[in-house]
Amino acid sequence: MYPEKYSSESSAPPPYNTDMQLNQQYCQSLPTYDTTSDERMANFKHIVDRYEINHTFATKLRALEGYEIVFICDDSGSMNTPLAGDLSSPFVKAPSRWDELKQTVSIVVDIASVLDPDGVDIYFLNREPLFHVRNSSELVPVFAVRPSGPTPIVSVFQRVLRDKQHELEERKLLILLATDGEPTDNRGHRDIQSLEYVLKHERKPSHRIPVTIIACTGEKK
């Protein structure tokens, strides 16, 4: 997965970089959320050490403090596609784009939980959203259901903008859109123009709604 930041009028938090070394400790218990500033920083260091994030990138992640964070996850049928050349053993099943997306969202949730006690809201293209996710273990049931369906990115993006409109008065909204394909309309036809229109004209004020698009293709750029 490789993120691309959609241009905006002001600087935004860094796009998530999945080139960092990952581990599989998703379900470790996280601290309670009624914490002091010092406790939050200690918890943040714990997460940074757990996922072996370099200190330069960790410093940039601190910019997420004060943001409302929303993840839009592509759960269309093509997310079942295996990742080419990503086998750890010739005798195991290749992970899919869906598996990699779970790994990415899990890390974002664990990082965000120590910077924003409200947790992360996770929207999907073909199923109901999860609100206030604070621990990556909460993702296990929903990601156990395999993806299927079309790619209605525009309608879900518009729902996020409607749902979060009142919160924009108090803090900025960071939207992370993870997808492996092009958006489609209600009839399943390719519809890139509508997404471009929403990003340019319905994302208001644009400087308070930075968007990062994460390509779930497994292809190197």
N, C-alpha and C. Protein backbone atom coordinates (compact mmCIF):
# COMPACT_ATOMS: atom_id res chain seq x y z
N MET A 1 0.84 -1.19 0.00
CA MET A 1 0.00 0.00 0.00
C MET A 1 0.87 1.24 0.00
N TYR A 2 0.53 2.18 -0.82
CA TYR A 2 1.37 3.36 -0.95
C TYR A 2 0.50 4.60 -0.96
N PRO A 3 0.70 5.49 0.03
CA PRO A 3 -0.19 6.63 0.17
C PRO A 3 0.14 7.77 -0.77
N GLU A 4 -0.91 8.47 -1.18
CA GLU A 4 -0.76 9.69 -1.95
C GLU A 4 -1.62 10.76 -1.31
N LYS A 5 -1.01 11.88 -0.97
CA LYS A 5 -1.74 12.94 -0.31
C LYS A 5 -2.42 13.82 -1.34
N TYR A 6 -3.74 14.00 -1.18
CA TYR A 6 -4.46 14.89 -2.06
C TYR A 6 -4.15 16.32 -1.68
N SER A 7 -3.85 17.16 -2.65
CA SER A 7 -3.39 18.52 -2.37
C SER A 7 -4.44 19.30 -1.61
N SER A 8 -3.97 20.13 -0.68
CA SER A 8 -4.85 20.98 0.08
C SER A 8 -4.16 22.30 0.32
N GLU A 9 -4.88 23.26 0.87
CA GLU A 9 -4.35 24.60 0.98
C GLU A 9 -3.37 24.78 2.12
N SER A 10 -3.29 23.83 3.03
CA SER A 10 -2.35 23.96 4.13
C SER A 10 -1.72 22.61 4.39
N SER A 11 -0.65 22.63 5.16
CA SER A 11 0.04 21.38 5.43
C SER A 11 -0.83 20.49 6.28
N ALA A 12 -0.71 19.19 6.08
CA ALA A 12 -1.52 18.20 6.79
C ALA A 12 -0.60 17.20 7.45
N PRO A 13 -1.16 16.35 8.32
CA PRO A 13 -0.35 15.30 8.91
C PRO A 13 0.25 14.44 7.82
N PRO A 14 1.37 13.78 8.09
CA PRO A 14 2.04 12.99 7.05
C PRO A 14 1.18 11.83 6.61
N PRO A 15 1.22 11.47 5.31
CA PRO A 15 0.51 10.29 4.89
C PRO A 15 1.11 9.07 5.54
N TYR A 16 0.29 8.09 5.81
CA TYR A 16 0.76 6.88 6.48
C TYR A 16 1.72 6.12 5.58
N ASN A 17 2.82 5.71 6.13
CA ASN A 17 3.87 5.06 5.35
C ASN A 17 3.97 3.61 5.77
N THR A 18 3.53 2.69 4.91
CA THR A 18 3.56 1.28 5.27
C THR A 18 4.91 0.65 5.01
N ASP A 19 5.93 1.46 4.66
CA ASP A 19 7.26 0.90 4.52
C ASP A 19 7.92 0.68 5.87
N MET A 20 7.31 1.20 6.95
CA MET A 20 7.85 0.96 8.27
C MET A 20 7.78 -0.53 8.58
N GLN A 21 8.66 -1.00 9.45
CA GLN A 21 8.65 -2.41 9.81
C GLN A 21 7.43 -2.67 10.67
N LEU A 22 6.71 -3.74 10.31
CA LEU A 22 5.47 -4.08 10.99
C LEU A 22 5.66 -5.34 11.81
N ASN A 23 4.88 -5.48 12.87
CA ASN A 23 4.82 -6.77 13.53
C ASN A 23 3.36 -7.12 13.74
N GLN A 24 3.10 -8.26 14.32
CA GLN A 24 1.75 -8.79 14.37
C GLN A 24 1.08 -8.64 15.74
N GLN A 25 1.59 -7.77 16.59
CA GLN A 25 1.07 -7.69 17.96
C GLN A 25 -0.15 -6.78 18.00
N TYR A 26 -1.21 -7.16 17.30
CA TYR A 26 -2.38 -6.30 17.19
C TYR A 26 -3.22 -6.26 18.46
N CYS A 27 -3.27 -7.37 19.15
CA CYS A 27 -4.26 -7.48 20.21
C CYS A 27 -3.68 -7.23 21.59
N GLN A 28 -2.52 -6.66 21.67
CA GLN A 28 -2.00 -6.30 22.97
C GLN A 28 -2.90 -5.24 23.59
N SER A 29 -3.09 -5.32 24.88
CA SER A 29 -3.97 -4.36 25.54
C SER A 29 -3.36 -2.97 25.47
N LEU A 30 -4.23 -1.99 25.25
CA LEU A 30 -3.80 -0.61 25.20
C LEU A 30 -4.18 0.07 26.51
N PRO A 31 -3.56 1.19 26.84
CA PRO A 31 -3.84 1.86 28.09
C PRO A 31 -5.23 2.46 28.12
N THR A 32 -5.67 2.82 29.31
CA THR A 32 -6.95 3.51 29.44
C THR A 32 -6.84 4.89 28.83
N TYR A 33 -8.00 5.54 28.57
CA TYR A 33 -8.00 6.74 27.75
C TYR A 33 -8.12 8.01 28.56
N ASP A 34 -8.39 7.90 29.84
CA ASP A 34 -8.44 9.07 30.70
C ASP A 34 -7.04 9.26 31.28
N THR A 35 -6.15 9.83 30.48
CA THR A 35 -4.75 9.91 30.87
C THR A 35 -4.25 11.34 30.82
N THR A 36 -3.15 11.58 31.51
CA THR A 36 -2.53 12.89 31.48
C THR A 36 -1.66 12.99 30.23
N SER A 37 -1.16 14.20 29.97
CA SER A 37 -0.30 14.42 28.80
C SER A 37 0.96 13.55 28.89
N ASP A 38 1.57 13.48 30.07
CA ASP A 38 2.77 12.67 30.24
C ASP A 38 2.48 11.19 29.99
N GLU A 39 1.34 10.73 30.47
CA GLU A 39 0.98 9.33 30.27
C GLU A 39 0.74 9.03 28.80
N ARG A 40 0.10 9.98 28.09
CA ARG A 40 -0.14 9.78 26.67
C ARG A 40 1.17 9.68 25.90
N MET A 41 2.14 10.51 26.27
CA MET A 41 3.42 10.45 25.57
C MET A 41 4.16 9.14 25.87
N ALA A 42 4.03 8.65 27.09
CA ALA A 42 4.64 7.36 27.43
C ALA A 42 3.97 6.25 26.63
N ASN A 43 2.65 6.33 26.50
CA ASN A 43 1.93 5.33 25.71
C ASN A 43 2.29 5.43 24.23
N PHE A 44 2.47 6.66 23.76
CA PHE A 44 2.87 6.87 22.36
C PHE A 44 4.24 6.24 22.10
N LYS A 45 5.16 6.42 23.03
CA LYS A 45 6.49 5.82 22.89
C LYS A 45 6.38 4.30 22.83
N HIS A 46 5.48 3.75 23.65
CA HIS A 46 5.27 2.30 23.65
C HIS A 46 4.83 1.82 22.27
N ILE A 47 3.90 2.53 21.64
CA ILE A 47 3.43 2.16 20.31
C ILE A 47 4.55 2.29 19.28
N VAL A 48 5.30 3.39 19.37
CA VAL A 48 6.42 3.62 18.44
C VAL A 48 7.43 2.49 18.54
N ASP A 49 7.74 2.08 19.77
CA ASP A 49 8.70 0.99 19.95
C ASP A 49 8.12 -0.34 19.45
N ARG A 50 6.84 -0.56 19.70
CA ARG A 50 6.22 -1.83 19.31
C ARG A 50 6.27 -2.03 17.80
N TYR A 51 5.96 -0.97 17.06
CA TYR A 51 5.93 -1.07 15.60
C TYR A 51 7.24 -0.64 14.95
N GLU A 52 8.26 -0.37 15.77
CA GLU A 52 9.60 -0.05 15.28
C GLU A 52 9.56 1.11 14.28
N ILE A 53 8.84 2.16 14.67
CA ILE A 53 8.74 3.36 13.85
C ILE A 53 9.96 4.24 14.13
N ASN A 54 10.59 4.72 13.07
CA ASN A 54 11.77 5.55 13.31
C ASN A 54 11.34 6.89 13.91
N HIS A 55 12.25 7.51 14.64
CA HIS A 55 11.90 8.70 15.42
C HIS A 55 11.52 9.89 14.55
N THR A 56 12.10 9.98 13.36
CA THR A 56 11.75 11.08 12.47
C THR A 56 10.28 11.00 12.07
N PHE A 57 9.85 9.79 11.68
CA PHE A 57 8.45 9.62 11.30
C PHE A 57 7.53 9.73 12.52
N ALA A 58 7.99 9.25 13.67
CA ALA A 58 7.19 9.36 14.89
C ALA A 58 6.93 10.82 15.24
N THR A 59 7.94 11.67 15.03
CA THR A 59 7.76 13.10 15.30
C THR A 59 6.68 13.67 14.39
N LYS A 60 6.67 13.26 13.14
CA LYS A 60 5.64 13.74 12.21
C LYS A 60 4.25 13.24 12.61
N LEU A 61 4.20 12.03 13.15
CA LEU A 61 2.90 11.48 13.57
C LEU A 61 2.26 12.30 14.68
N ARG A 62 3.07 13.00 15.46
CA ARG A 62 2.53 13.83 16.53
C ARG A 62 1.59 14.90 15.99
N ALA A 63 1.72 15.21 14.69
CA ALA A 63 0.82 16.19 14.07
C ALA A 63 -0.62 15.70 14.03
N LEU A 64 -0.83 14.42 14.28
CA LEU A 64 -2.19 13.88 14.31
C LEU A 64 -2.96 14.31 15.54
N GLU A 65 -2.28 14.80 16.55
CA GLU A 65 -2.97 15.24 17.76
C GLU A 65 -3.95 16.36 17.41
N GLY A 66 -5.16 16.24 17.90
CA GLY A 66 -6.15 17.26 17.65
C GLY A 66 -6.99 17.04 16.41
N TYR A 67 -6.67 16.02 15.63
CA TYR A 67 -7.44 15.72 14.42
C TYR A 67 -8.51 14.67 14.72
N GLU A 68 -9.66 14.81 14.08
CA GLU A 68 -10.63 13.72 13.99
C GLU A 68 -10.17 12.84 12.83
N ILE A 69 -10.01 11.54 13.09
CA ILE A 69 -9.45 10.64 12.09
C ILE A 69 -10.51 9.66 11.61
N VAL A 70 -10.67 9.60 10.28
CA VAL A 70 -11.64 8.69 9.66
C VAL A 70 -10.92 7.86 8.61
N PHE A 71 -11.17 6.57 8.64
CA PHE A 71 -10.63 5.65 7.63
C PHE A 71 -11.78 5.18 6.75
N ILE A 72 -11.64 5.31 5.43
CA ILE A 72 -12.60 4.73 4.49
C ILE A 72 -11.93 3.52 3.86
N CYS A 73 -12.48 2.34 4.10
CA CYS A 73 -11.87 1.09 3.66
C CYS A 73 -12.63 0.48 2.49
N ASP A 74 -11.92 0.16 1.46
CA ASP A 74 -12.48 -0.53 0.30
C ASP A 74 -12.71 -1.99 0.67
N ASP A 75 -13.98 -2.41 0.70
CA ASP A 75 -14.29 -3.82 0.95
C ASP A 75 -14.98 -4.43 -0.26
N SER A 76 -14.60 -3.94 -1.45
CA SER A 76 -15.14 -4.50 -2.69
C SER A 76 -14.51 -5.86 -2.98
N GLY A 77 -15.11 -6.59 -3.91
CA GLY A 77 -14.67 -7.96 -4.18
C GLY A 77 -13.23 -8.08 -4.62
N SER A 78 -12.70 -7.06 -5.30
CA SER A 78 -11.32 -7.15 -5.79
C SER A 78 -10.29 -7.12 -4.67
N MET A 79 -10.71 -6.77 -3.46
CA MET A 79 -9.77 -6.76 -2.33
C MET A 79 -9.38 -8.18 -1.90
N ASN A 80 -10.05 -9.19 -2.48
CA ASN A 80 -9.65 -10.57 -2.22
C ASN A 80 -8.41 -10.97 -3.02
N THR A 81 -7.95 -10.12 -3.92
CA THR A 81 -6.81 -10.43 -4.78
C THR A 81 -5.55 -10.69 -3.95
N PRO A 82 -4.86 -11.81 -4.18
CA PRO A 82 -3.61 -12.09 -3.45
C PRO A 82 -2.53 -11.08 -3.81
N LEU A 83 -1.66 -10.81 -2.87
CA LEU A 83 -0.53 -9.92 -3.11
C LEU A 83 0.58 -10.70 -3.80
N ALA A 84 0.96 -10.25 -4.95
CA ALA A 84 1.98 -10.95 -5.73
C ALA A 84 3.35 -10.83 -5.05
N GLY A 85 4.07 -11.95 -5.02
CA GLY A 85 5.43 -11.93 -4.50
C GLY A 85 5.54 -11.65 -3.02
N ASP A 86 4.50 -11.97 -2.24
CA ASP A 86 4.53 -11.66 -0.81
C ASP A 86 4.37 -12.92 0.03
N LEU A 87 4.94 -14.02 -0.42
CA LEU A 87 4.86 -15.28 0.31
C LEU A 87 6.03 -15.42 1.27
N SER A 88 5.73 -15.71 2.53
CA SER A 88 6.80 -15.97 3.50
C SER A 88 7.27 -17.41 3.42
N SER A 89 6.43 -18.27 2.82
CA SER A 89 6.77 -19.69 2.67
C SER A 89 6.01 -20.22 1.46
N PRO A 90 6.59 -21.17 0.75
CA PRO A 90 5.89 -21.75 -0.41
C PRO A 90 4.69 -22.61 -0.02
N PHE A 91 4.51 -22.85 1.28
CA PHE A 91 3.46 -23.75 1.74
C PHE A 91 2.31 -23.01 2.44
N VAL A 92 2.34 -21.69 2.42
CA VAL A 92 1.27 -20.93 3.06
C VAL A 92 0.51 -20.15 2.00
N LYS A 93 -0.72 -19.82 2.34
CA LYS A 93 -1.57 -19.04 1.44
C LYS A 93 -1.08 -17.61 1.37
N ALA A 94 -1.03 -17.06 0.17
CA ALA A 94 -0.58 -15.68 0.00
C ALA A 94 -1.59 -14.72 0.64
N PRO A 95 -1.12 -13.71 1.36
CA PRO A 95 -2.04 -12.72 1.93
C PRO A 95 -2.70 -11.92 0.81
N SER A 96 -3.90 -11.45 1.09
CA SER A 96 -4.65 -10.67 0.10
C SER A 96 -4.53 -9.18 0.39
N ARG A 97 -5.05 -8.39 -0.53
CA ARG A 97 -5.10 -6.95 -0.30
C ARG A 97 -5.93 -6.64 0.95
N TRP A 98 -6.95 -7.43 1.22
CA TRP A 98 -7.79 -7.26 2.41
C TRP A 98 -6.98 -7.51 3.68
N ASP A 99 -6.13 -8.53 3.66
CA ASP A 99 -5.29 -8.83 4.81
C ASP A 99 -4.32 -7.68 5.08
N GLU A 100 -3.75 -7.13 4.00
CA GLU A 100 -2.82 -6.03 4.17
C GLU A 100 -3.54 -4.79 4.69
N LEU A 101 -4.77 -4.57 4.22
CA LEU A 101 -5.54 -3.43 4.70
C LEU A 101 -5.83 -3.56 6.20
N LYS A 102 -6.16 -4.76 6.64
CA LYS A 102 -6.38 -4.98 8.07
C LYS A 102 -5.14 -4.60 8.86
N GLN A 103 -3.98 -4.99 8.37
CA GLN A 103 -2.72 -4.68 9.05
C GLN A 103 -2.50 -3.17 9.13
N THR A 104 -2.77 -2.48 8.03
CA THR A 104 -2.58 -1.03 7.99
C THR A 104 -3.54 -0.32 8.95
N VAL A 105 -4.82 -0.68 8.88
CA VAL A 105 -5.81 -0.03 9.75
C VAL A 105 -5.51 -0.32 11.21
N SER A 106 -5.05 -1.53 11.51
CA SER A 106 -4.73 -1.89 12.89
C SER A 106 -3.66 -0.98 13.47
N ILE A 107 -2.62 -0.72 12.69
CA ILE A 107 -1.54 0.13 13.17
C ILE A 107 -2.02 1.57 13.34
N VAL A 108 -2.81 2.06 12.37
CA VAL A 108 -3.34 3.43 12.49
C VAL A 108 -4.20 3.56 13.74
N VAL A 109 -5.04 2.57 14.01
CA VAL A 109 -5.91 2.61 15.18
C VAL A 109 -5.09 2.66 16.46
N ASP A 110 -4.07 1.82 16.55
CA ASP A 110 -3.26 1.77 17.76
C ASP A 110 -2.49 3.07 17.98
N ILE A 111 -2.00 3.67 16.90
CA ILE A 111 -1.29 4.95 17.02
C ILE A 111 -2.26 6.05 17.41
N ALA A 112 -3.38 6.11 16.71
CA ALA A 112 -4.35 7.18 16.96
C ALA A 112 -4.96 7.10 18.35
N SER A 113 -5.05 5.90 18.91
CA SER A 113 -5.72 5.74 20.20
C SER A 113 -5.00 6.47 21.32
N VAL A 114 -3.69 6.68 21.17
CA VAL A 114 -2.96 7.39 22.21
C VAL A 114 -2.89 8.89 21.93
N LEU A 115 -3.25 9.30 20.72
CA LEU A 115 -3.25 10.71 20.38
C LEU A 115 -4.65 11.31 20.42
N ASP A 116 -5.67 10.48 20.24
CA ASP A 116 -7.05 10.93 20.25
C ASP A 116 -7.90 9.91 21.00
N PRO A 117 -8.31 10.21 22.22
CA PRO A 117 -9.08 9.25 23.02
C PRO A 117 -10.44 8.90 22.43
N ASP A 118 -10.92 9.68 21.44
CA ASP A 118 -12.20 9.36 20.80
C ASP A 118 -12.09 8.15 19.89
N GLY A 119 -10.88 7.78 19.51
CA GLY A 119 -10.70 6.66 18.62
C GLY A 119 -10.90 7.03 17.16
N VAL A 120 -10.84 6.03 16.29
CA VAL A 120 -10.95 6.20 14.85
C VAL A 120 -12.30 5.69 14.38
N ASP A 121 -12.95 6.46 13.50
CA ASP A 121 -14.18 5.99 12.85
C ASP A 121 -13.80 5.34 11.53
N ILE A 122 -14.30 4.12 11.30
CA ILE A 122 -13.93 3.35 10.12
C ILE A 122 -15.18 3.10 9.28
N TYR A 123 -15.18 3.65 8.08
CA TYR A 123 -16.28 3.46 7.14
C TYR A 123 -15.86 2.45 6.09
N PHE A 124 -16.85 1.70 5.61
CA PHE A 124 -16.63 0.73 4.54
C PHE A 124 -17.52 1.07 3.35
N LEU A 125 -17.20 0.51 2.20
CA LEU A 125 -17.98 0.80 1.00
C LEU A 125 -19.25 -0.04 0.90
N ASN A 126 -19.26 -1.21 1.55
CA ASN A 126 -20.39 -2.13 1.38
C ASN A 126 -20.92 -2.70 2.69
N ARG A 127 -20.55 -2.08 3.81
CA ARG A 127 -21.07 -2.53 5.10
C ARG A 127 -21.12 -1.34 6.05
N GLU A 128 -21.73 -1.53 7.19
CA GLU A 128 -21.91 -0.42 8.14
C GLU A 128 -20.57 -0.02 8.78
N PRO A 129 -20.46 1.25 9.16
CA PRO A 129 -19.20 1.72 9.75
C PRO A 129 -19.02 1.28 11.20
N LEU A 130 -17.79 1.41 11.67
CA LEU A 130 -17.44 1.21 13.08
C LEU A 130 -17.03 2.56 13.64
N PHE A 131 -17.61 2.94 14.77
CA PHE A 131 -17.30 4.24 15.35
C PHE A 131 -16.48 4.09 16.63
N HIS A 132 -15.59 5.06 16.85
CA HIS A 132 -14.79 5.15 18.08
C HIS A 132 -13.98 3.88 18.34
N VAL A 133 -13.29 3.40 17.32
CA VAL A 133 -12.45 2.21 17.48
C VAL A 133 -11.15 2.64 18.14
N ARG A 134 -10.85 2.05 19.30
CA ARG A 134 -9.68 2.44 20.10
C ARG A 134 -8.63 1.34 20.22
N ASN A 135 -8.97 0.15 19.80
CA ASN A 135 -8.05 -0.98 19.94
C ASN A 135 -8.14 -1.83 18.68
N SER A 136 -7.01 -2.20 18.13
CA SER A 136 -7.01 -2.97 16.89
C SER A 136 -7.71 -4.32 17.02
N SER A 137 -7.84 -4.82 18.24
CA SER A 137 -8.54 -6.10 18.43
C SER A 137 -10.02 -5.98 18.06
N GLU A 138 -10.56 -4.76 18.08
CA GLU A 138 -11.96 -4.55 17.70
C GLU A 138 -12.19 -4.78 16.21
N LEU A 139 -11.13 -4.83 15.43
CA LEU A 139 -11.24 -5.00 13.98
C LEU A 139 -11.37 -6.46 13.57
N VAL A 140 -11.04 -7.37 14.46
CA VAL A 140 -10.98 -8.79 14.10
C VAL A 140 -12.30 -9.31 13.53
N PRO A 141 -13.46 -9.07 14.18
CA PRO A 141 -14.71 -9.63 13.63
C PRO A 141 -15.07 -9.09 12.25
N VAL A 142 -14.92 -7.78 12.05
CA VAL A 142 -15.35 -7.20 10.77
C VAL A 142 -14.43 -7.61 9.63
N PHE A 143 -13.13 -7.74 9.90
CA PHE A 143 -12.21 -8.16 8.85
C PHE A 143 -12.24 -9.67 8.63
N ALA A 144 -12.91 -10.41 9.50
CA ALA A 144 -13.08 -11.85 9.29
C ALA A 144 -14.08 -12.12 8.17
N VAL A 145 -14.94 -11.13 7.88
CA VAL A 145 -15.90 -11.26 6.78
C VAL A 145 -15.22 -10.81 5.50
N ARG A 146 -15.13 -11.68 4.52
CA ARG A 146 -14.39 -11.38 3.30
C ARG A 146 -15.10 -10.28 2.50
N PRO A 147 -14.34 -9.47 1.79
CA PRO A 147 -14.92 -8.36 1.03
C PRO A 147 -15.69 -8.83 -0.19
N SER A 148 -16.71 -8.04 -0.55
CA SER A 148 -17.49 -8.32 -1.76
C SER A 148 -18.28 -7.06 -2.13
N GLY A 149 -18.63 -6.96 -3.40
CA GLY A 149 -19.44 -5.83 -3.83
C GLY A 149 -18.68 -4.84 -4.70
N PRO A 150 -19.34 -3.71 -5.04
CA PRO A 150 -18.74 -2.69 -5.93
C PRO A 150 -17.84 -1.72 -5.17
N THR A 151 -17.55 -0.58 -5.81
CA THR A 151 -16.61 0.40 -5.25
C THR A 151 -17.25 1.79 -5.19
N PRO A 152 -18.30 1.98 -4.39
CA PRO A 152 -19.01 3.27 -4.34
C PRO A 152 -18.31 4.29 -3.44
N ILE A 153 -17.11 4.69 -3.81
CA ILE A 153 -16.31 5.57 -2.97
C ILE A 153 -16.99 6.92 -2.76
N VAL A 154 -17.57 7.47 -3.83
CA VAL A 154 -18.12 8.83 -3.76
C VAL A 154 -19.23 8.94 -2.74
N SER A 155 -20.18 8.02 -2.75
CA SER A 155 -21.31 8.10 -1.82
C SER A 155 -20.86 7.96 -0.37
N VAL A 156 -19.88 7.09 -0.13
CA VAL A 156 -19.38 6.92 1.24
C VAL A 156 -18.59 8.16 1.66
N PHE A 157 -17.81 8.72 0.77
CA PHE A 157 -17.05 9.95 1.07
C PHE A 157 -18.01 11.08 1.42
N GLN A 158 -19.09 11.21 0.67
CA GLN A 158 -20.08 12.24 0.95
C GLN A 158 -20.76 12.00 2.30
N ARG A 159 -20.99 10.75 2.65
CA ARG A 159 -21.58 10.45 3.97
C ARG A 159 -20.65 10.89 5.08
N VAL A 160 -19.35 10.63 4.92
CA VAL A 160 -18.38 11.06 5.93
C VAL A 160 -18.43 12.57 6.10
N LEU A 161 -18.45 13.31 5.00
CA LEU A 161 -18.50 14.77 5.08
C LEU A 161 -19.76 15.24 5.79
N ARG A 162 -20.88 14.59 5.54
CA ARG A 162 -22.13 14.96 6.23
C ARG A 162 -22.05 14.64 7.72
N ASP A 163 -21.57 13.44 8.03
CA ASP A 163 -21.53 13.00 9.43
C ASP A 163 -20.60 13.86 10.27
N LYS A 164 -19.53 14.38 9.66
CA LYS A 164 -18.49 15.09 10.42
C LYS A 164 -18.60 16.61 10.30
N GLN A 165 -19.63 17.09 9.67
CA GLN A 165 -19.74 18.52 9.42
C GLN A 165 -19.68 19.36 10.69
N HIS A 166 -20.38 18.93 11.73
CA HIS A 166 -20.42 19.72 12.96
C HIS A 166 -19.09 19.69 13.71
N GLU A 167 -18.32 18.60 13.53
CA GLU A 167 -17.05 18.50 14.24
C GLU A 167 -15.97 19.40 13.64
N LEU A 168 -16.16 19.81 12.40
CA LEU A 168 -15.16 20.66 11.74
C LEU A 168 -15.06 22.03 12.41
N GLU A 169 -16.05 22.41 13.18
CA GLU A 169 -15.99 23.69 13.87
C GLU A 169 -14.98 23.66 15.01
N GLU A 170 -14.69 22.45 15.52
CA GLU A 170 -13.80 22.33 16.67
C GLU A 170 -12.40 21.81 16.30
N ARG A 171 -12.31 20.96 15.29
CA ARG A 171 -11.00 20.42 14.92
C ARG A 171 -11.00 19.96 13.47
N LYS A 172 -9.81 19.74 12.95
CA LYS A 172 -9.67 19.32 11.57
C LYS A 172 -10.02 17.83 11.42
N LEU A 173 -10.36 17.46 10.19
CA LEU A 173 -10.75 16.10 9.86
C LEU A 173 -9.75 15.50 8.90
N LEU A 174 -9.09 14.42 9.30
CA LEU A 174 -8.17 13.70 8.42
C LEU A 174 -8.87 12.46 7.89
N ILE A 175 -8.99 12.37 6.56
CA ILE A 175 -9.63 11.22 5.92
C ILE A 175 -8.58 10.38 5.22
N LEU A 176 -8.51 9.11 5.60
CA LEU A 176 -7.61 8.14 4.96
C LEU A 176 -8.46 7.22 4.10
N LEU A 177 -8.27 7.29 2.80
CA LEU A 177 -9.05 6.47 1.87
C LEU A 177 -8.16 5.37 1.31
N ALA A 178 -8.48 4.13 1.64
CA ALA A 178 -7.70 2.98 1.17
C ALA A 178 -8.52 2.20 0.15
N THR A 179 -8.03 2.12 -1.08
CA THR A 179 -8.78 1.45 -2.14
C THR A 179 -7.82 0.82 -3.14
N ASP A 180 -8.29 -0.21 -3.84
CA ASP A 180 -7.46 -0.85 -4.85
C ASP A 180 -7.98 -0.61 -6.27
N GLY A 181 -9.01 0.22 -6.38
CA GLY A 181 -9.58 0.40 -7.71
C GLY A 181 -10.18 1.77 -7.92
N GLU A 182 -10.83 1.93 -9.05
CA GLU A 182 -11.46 3.19 -9.40
C GLU A 182 -12.89 3.22 -8.87
N PRO A 183 -13.38 4.40 -8.49
CA PRO A 183 -14.76 4.50 -7.99
C PRO A 183 -15.78 4.16 -9.06
N THR A 184 -16.91 3.62 -8.62
CA THR A 184 -18.00 3.30 -9.54
C THR A 184 -19.27 4.00 -9.09
N ASP A 185 -20.21 4.17 -10.03
CA ASP A 185 -21.49 4.77 -9.69
C ASP A 185 -22.46 3.68 -9.24
N ASN A 186 -23.74 4.06 -9.08
CA ASN A 186 -24.73 3.10 -8.57
C ASN A 186 -24.98 1.93 -9.51
N ARG A 187 -24.59 2.10 -10.77
CA ARG A 187 -24.78 1.02 -11.75
C ARG A 187 -23.50 0.22 -11.97
N GLY A 188 -22.46 0.53 -11.18
CA GLY A 188 -21.21 -0.20 -11.29
C GLY A 188 -20.29 0.28 -12.38
N HIS A 189 -20.59 1.46 -12.95
CA HIS A 189 -19.75 2.01 -14.02
C HIS A 189 -18.66 2.90 -13.43
N ARG A 190 -17.53 2.90 -14.06
CA ARG A 190 -16.40 3.73 -13.64
C ARG A 190 -16.82 5.20 -13.56
N ASP A 191 -16.41 5.87 -12.46
CA ASP A 191 -16.87 7.25 -12.26
C ASP A 191 -15.81 8.05 -11.49
N ILE A 192 -14.70 8.32 -12.12
CA ILE A 192 -13.63 9.08 -11.49
C ILE A 192 -14.00 10.55 -11.37
N GLN A 193 -14.75 11.07 -12.33
CA GLN A 193 -15.08 12.49 -12.35
C GLN A 193 -15.84 12.92 -11.10
N SER A 194 -16.74 12.08 -10.63
CA SER A 194 -17.53 12.44 -9.45
C SER A 194 -16.65 12.55 -8.21
N LEU A 195 -15.66 11.65 -8.08
CA LEU A 195 -14.75 11.72 -6.94
C LEU A 195 -13.92 12.99 -7.01
N GLU A 196 -13.44 13.32 -8.19
CA GLU A 196 -12.66 14.54 -8.35
C GLU A 196 -13.49 15.76 -7.98
N TYR A 197 -14.75 15.75 -8.36
CA TYR A 197 -15.63 16.88 -8.05
C TYR A 197 -15.81 17.02 -6.54
N VAL A 198 -16.06 15.89 -5.87
CA VAL A 198 -16.26 15.93 -4.42
C VAL A 198 -15.00 16.45 -3.71
N LEU A 199 -13.85 15.96 -4.13
CA LEU A 199 -12.60 16.38 -3.50
C LEU A 199 -12.34 17.87 -3.70
N LYS A 200 -12.71 18.39 -4.86
CA LYS A 200 -12.41 19.79 -5.17
C LYS A 200 -13.48 20.76 -4.68
N HIS A 201 -14.75 20.33 -4.67
CA HIS A 201 -15.83 21.29 -4.44
C HIS A 201 -16.70 21.01 -3.21
N GLU A 202 -16.74 19.79 -2.73
CA GLU A 202 -17.58 19.48 -1.57
C GLU A 202 -16.78 19.34 -0.29
N ARG A 203 -15.48 19.32 -0.39
CA ARG A 203 -14.59 19.19 0.77
C ARG A 203 -14.32 20.59 1.31
N LYS A 204 -15.26 21.11 2.10
CA LYS A 204 -15.17 22.50 2.55
C LYS A 204 -15.21 22.57 4.07
N PRO A 205 -14.32 23.41 4.64
CA PRO A 205 -13.18 24.06 3.99
C PRO A 205 -12.06 23.05 3.74
N SER A 206 -11.47 23.09 2.55
CA SER A 206 -10.51 22.06 2.15
C SER A 206 -9.28 22.03 3.05
N HIS A 207 -8.89 23.20 3.59
CA HIS A 207 -7.68 23.22 4.42
C HIS A 207 -7.90 22.56 5.77
N ARG A 208 -9.17 22.27 6.12
CA ARG A 208 -9.46 21.59 7.38
C ARG A 208 -9.81 20.12 7.16
N ILE A 209 -9.76 19.67 5.90
CA ILE A 209 -10.10 18.27 5.60
C ILE A 209 -9.03 17.68 4.68
N PRO A 210 -7.82 17.46 5.17
CA PRO A 210 -6.80 16.79 4.35
C PRO A 210 -7.20 15.35 4.07
N VAL A 211 -6.84 14.89 2.88
CA VAL A 211 -7.18 13.53 2.45
C VAL A 211 -5.90 12.81 2.00
N THR A 212 -5.72 11.59 2.48
CA THR A 212 -4.63 10.75 2.01
C THR A 212 -5.23 9.51 1.36
N ILE A 213 -4.82 9.24 0.11
CA ILE A 213 -5.30 8.06 -0.60
C ILE A 213 -4.22 6.99 -0.58
N ILE A 214 -4.59 5.82 -0.09
CA ILE A 214 -3.67 4.69 0.03
C ILE A 214 -4.04 3.65 -1.03
N ALA A 215 -3.12 3.38 -1.94
CA ALA A 215 -3.37 2.41 -3.01
C ALA A 215 -3.12 1.00 -2.51
N CYS A 216 -4.15 0.18 -2.49
CA CYS A 216 -4.04 -1.19 -1.98
C CYS A 216 -3.78 -2.17 -3.11
N THR A 217 -2.71 -1.97 -3.84
CA THR A 217 -2.43 -2.82 -4.99
C THR A 217 -1.23 -3.71 -4.79
N GLY A 218 -0.38 -3.38 -3.81
CA GLY A 218 0.83 -4.16 -3.60
C GLY A 218 1.90 -3.89 -4.62
N GLU A 219 1.66 -2.91 -5.51
CA GLU A 219 2.64 -2.59 -6.54
C GLU A 219 3.58 -1.50 -6.06
N LYS A 220 4.85 -1.64 -6.36
CA LYS A 220 5.84 -0.65 -6.00
C LYS A 220 5.75 0.53 -6.95
N LYS A 221 6.01 1.74 -6.39
CA LYS A 221 6.03 2.93 -7.24
C LYS A 221 7.44 3.41 -7.39
